[in-house]
């Protein structure tokens, strides 16, 4: 499925994705701030359709806010990755 999604992005967005060496980056709560924008890209099929429709290279977005004294990630989604759907917030430590 990932190969099909990469092919789709190449065909419709003319985005020639290249394999590259990556390293995981783990941010701590101290390194994130209110208002930080998280641009998310997954090869899950849905993101590619969103990218096609918007012309962008991110299929999902979220924002960091301090609510009730805790760092939260606020986003809207339809329970693909969380058991809840619609607007939701999850603590940074759980979300990351």
C-alpha atoms as a PDB file:
ATOM      1  CA  UNK A   1       0.000   0.000   0.000  1.00  0.00           C
ATOM      2  CA  UNK A   2       2.845   2.394   0.793  1.00  0.00           C
ATOM      3  CA  UNK A   3       4.298   1.896  -2.707  1.00  0.00           C
ATOM      4  CA  UNK A   4       0.882   2.594  -4.251  1.00  0.00           C
ATOM      5  CA  UNK A   5       0.550   5.791  -2.207  1.00  0.00           C
ATOM      6  CA  UNK A   6       4.031   6.978  -3.232  1.00  0.00           C
ATOM      7  CA  UNK A   7       3.122   6.243  -6.871  1.00  0.00           C
ATOM      8  CA  UNK A   8      -0.143   8.166  -6.495  1.00  0.00           C
ATOM      9  CA  UNK A   9       1.698  11.218  -5.122  1.00  0.00           C
ATOM     10  CA  UNK A  10       4.111  11.038  -8.024  1.00  0.00           C
ATOM     11  CA  UNK A  11       1.302  10.797 -10.553  1.00  0.00           C
ATOM     12  CA  UNK A  12      -1.050  13.476  -9.232  1.00  0.00           C
ATOM     13  CA  UNK A  13       1.247  15.910  -7.395  1.00  0.00           C
ATOM     14  CA  UNK A  14       4.403  15.216  -9.406  1.00  0.00           C
ATOM     15  CA  UNK A  15       6.151  14.655  -6.084  1.00  0.00           C
ATOM     16  CA  UNK A  16       9.071  12.325  -6.685  1.00  0.00           C
ATOM     17  CA  UNK A  17       9.651  11.067  -3.161  1.00  0.00           C
ATOM     18  CA  UNK A  18      13.160   9.806  -2.557  1.00  0.00           C
ATOM     19  CA  UNK A  19      14.258   7.265   0.022  1.00  0.00           C
ATOM     20  CA  UNK A  20      16.514   8.966   2.553  1.00  0.00           C
ATOM     21  CA  UNK A  21      18.146   8.056   5.809  1.00  0.00           C
ATOM     22  CA  UNK A  22      16.142   9.465   8.681  1.00  0.00           C
ATOM     23  CA  UNK A  23      16.582   9.579  12.400  1.00  0.00           C
ATOM     24  CA  UNK A  24      13.827   9.662  14.964  1.00  0.00           C
ATOM     25  CA  UNK A  25      13.531  12.923  16.837  1.00  0.00           C
ATOM     26  CA  UNK A  26      11.887  12.758  20.234  1.00  0.00           C
ATOM     27  CA  UNK A  27      10.793  16.123  21.613  1.00  0.00           C
ATOM     28  CA  UNK A  28      10.147  16.572  25.305  1.00  0.00           C
ATOM     29  CA  UNK A  29       7.348  18.691  26.766  1.00  0.00           C
ATOM     30  CA  UNK A  30       9.939  21.361  27.572  1.00  0.00           C
ATOM     31  CA  UNK A  31      10.881  21.610  23.886  1.00  0.00           C
ATOM     32  CA  UNK A  32       7.363  22.286  22.622  1.00  0.00           C
ATOM     33  CA  UNK A  33       5.357  25.462  23.094  1.00  0.00           C
ATOM     34  CA  UNK A  34       1.773  26.611  22.897  1.00  0.00           C
ATOM     35  CA  UNK A  35       0.818  27.153  19.293  1.00  0.00           C
ATOM     36  CA  UNK A  36       3.395  24.775  17.823  1.00  0.00           C
ATOM     37  CA  UNK A  37       1.954  23.377  14.593  1.00  0.00           C
ATOM     38  CA  UNK A  38       2.386  19.688  13.819  1.00  0.00           C
ATOM     39  CA  UNK A  39       2.222  18.866  10.109  1.00  0.00           C
ATOM     40  CA  UNK A  40       1.668  15.127   9.729  1.00  0.00           C
ATOM     41  CA  UNK A  41       2.225  12.901   6.721  1.00  0.00           C
ATOM     42  CA  UNK A  42       1.354   9.212   6.700  1.00  0.00           C
ATOM     43  CA  UNK A  43       1.261   6.800   3.795  1.00  0.00           C
ATOM     44  CA  UNK A  44      -2.184   5.622   4.873  1.00  0.00           C
ATOM     45  CA  UNK A  45      -4.264   6.463   1.791  1.00  0.00           C
ATOM     46  CA  UNK A  46      -6.377   9.141   3.432  1.00  0.00           C
ATOM     47  CA  UNK A  47      -3.509  11.631   3.739  1.00  0.00           C
ATOM     48  CA  UNK A  48      -2.734  11.258   0.050  1.00  0.00           C
ATOM     49  CA  UNK A  49      -6.327  12.126  -0.911  1.00  0.00           C
ATOM     50  CA  UNK A  50      -6.197  15.202   1.359  1.00  0.00           C
ATOM     51  CA  UNK A  51      -2.859  16.209  -0.170  1.00  0.00           C
ATOM     52  CA  UNK A  52      -4.309  15.801  -3.671  1.00  0.00           C
ATOM     53  CA  UNK A  53      -7.299  17.974  -2.772  1.00  0.00           C
ATOM     54  CA  UNK A  54      -5.264  20.700  -1.072  1.00  0.00           C
ATOM     55  CA  UNK A  55      -2.126  20.566  -3.187  1.00  0.00           C
ATOM     56  CA  UNK A  56      -0.060  20.339   0.008  1.00  0.00           C
ATOM     57  CA  UNK A  57       2.416  17.832   1.380  1.00  0.00           C
ATOM     58  CA  UNK A  58       0.759  17.195   4.756  1.00  0.00           C
ATOM     59  CA  UNK A  59      -2.409  15.218   5.202  1.00  0.00           C
ATOM     60  CA  UNK A  60      -3.145  15.994   8.828  1.00  0.00           C
ATOM     61  CA  UNK A  61      -2.425  18.797  11.253  1.00  0.00           C
ATOM     62  CA  UNK A  62      -2.548  19.371  14.982  1.00  0.00           C
ATOM     63  CA  UNK A  63      -1.536  22.096  17.418  1.00  0.00           C
ATOM     64  CA  UNK A  64       0.030  22.078  20.878  1.00  0.00           C
ATOM     65  CA  UNK A  65      -1.785  23.939  23.668  1.00  0.00           C
ATOM     66  CA  UNK A  66      -1.474  24.004  27.438  1.00  0.00           C
ATOM     67  CA  UNK A  67      -4.915  23.174  28.816  1.00  0.00           C
ATOM     68  CA  UNK A  68      -5.684  22.432  32.445  1.00  0.00           C
ATOM     69  CA  UNK A  69      -1.974  22.894  33.182  1.00  0.00           C
ATOM     70  CA  UNK A  70      -0.866  20.097  30.826  1.00  0.00           C
ATOM     71  CA  UNK A  71       0.615  20.097  27.312  1.00  0.00           C
ATOM     72  CA  UNK A  72      -2.068  18.807  24.959  1.00  0.00           C
ATOM     73  CA  UNK A  73      -2.193  18.029  21.258  1.00  0.00           C
ATOM     74  CA  UNK A  74      -5.476  19.280  19.807  1.00  0.00           C
ATOM     75  CA  UNK A  75      -6.740  17.876  16.521  1.00  0.00           C
ATOM     76  CA  UNK A  76      -9.778  16.819  14.578  1.00  0.00           C
ATOM     77  CA  UNK A  77      -9.898  13.278  13.272  1.00  0.00           C
ATOM     78  CA  UNK A  78     -12.295  10.427  12.756  1.00  0.00           C
ATOM     79  CA  UNK A  79     -11.014   7.735  15.151  1.00  0.00           C
ATOM     80  CA  UNK A  80      -8.451   6.225  12.789  1.00  0.00           C
ATOM     81  CA  UNK A  81      -5.623   6.576  15.286  1.00  0.00           C
ATOM     82  CA  UNK A  82      -7.531   7.332  18.512  1.00  0.00           C
ATOM     83  CA  UNK A  83     -10.703   5.735  19.905  1.00  0.00           C
ATOM     84  CA  UNK A  84     -12.440   9.145  19.845  1.00  0.00           C
ATOM     85  CA  UNK A  85     -13.519  11.089  16.792  1.00  0.00           C
ATOM     86  CA  UNK A  86     -14.073  14.778  16.004  1.00  0.00           C
ATOM     87  CA  UNK A  87     -12.265  17.545  17.908  1.00  0.00           C
ATOM     88  CA  UNK A  88     -10.147  16.098  20.681  1.00  0.00           C
ATOM     89  CA  UNK A  89      -7.144  16.681  22.851  1.00  0.00           C
ATOM     90  CA  UNK A  90      -4.611  14.201  24.140  1.00  0.00           C
ATOM     91  CA  UNK A  91      -1.725  14.759  26.510  1.00  0.00           C
ATOM     92  CA  UNK A  92       1.588  15.205  24.711  1.00  0.00           C
ATOM     93  CA  UNK A  93       3.134  12.226  26.518  1.00  0.00           C
ATOM     94  CA  UNK A  94       0.329   9.964  25.231  1.00  0.00           C
ATOM     95  CA  UNK A  95       0.100  11.505  21.765  1.00  0.00           C
ATOM     96  CA  UNK A  96       3.797  11.384  20.949  1.00  0.00           C
END
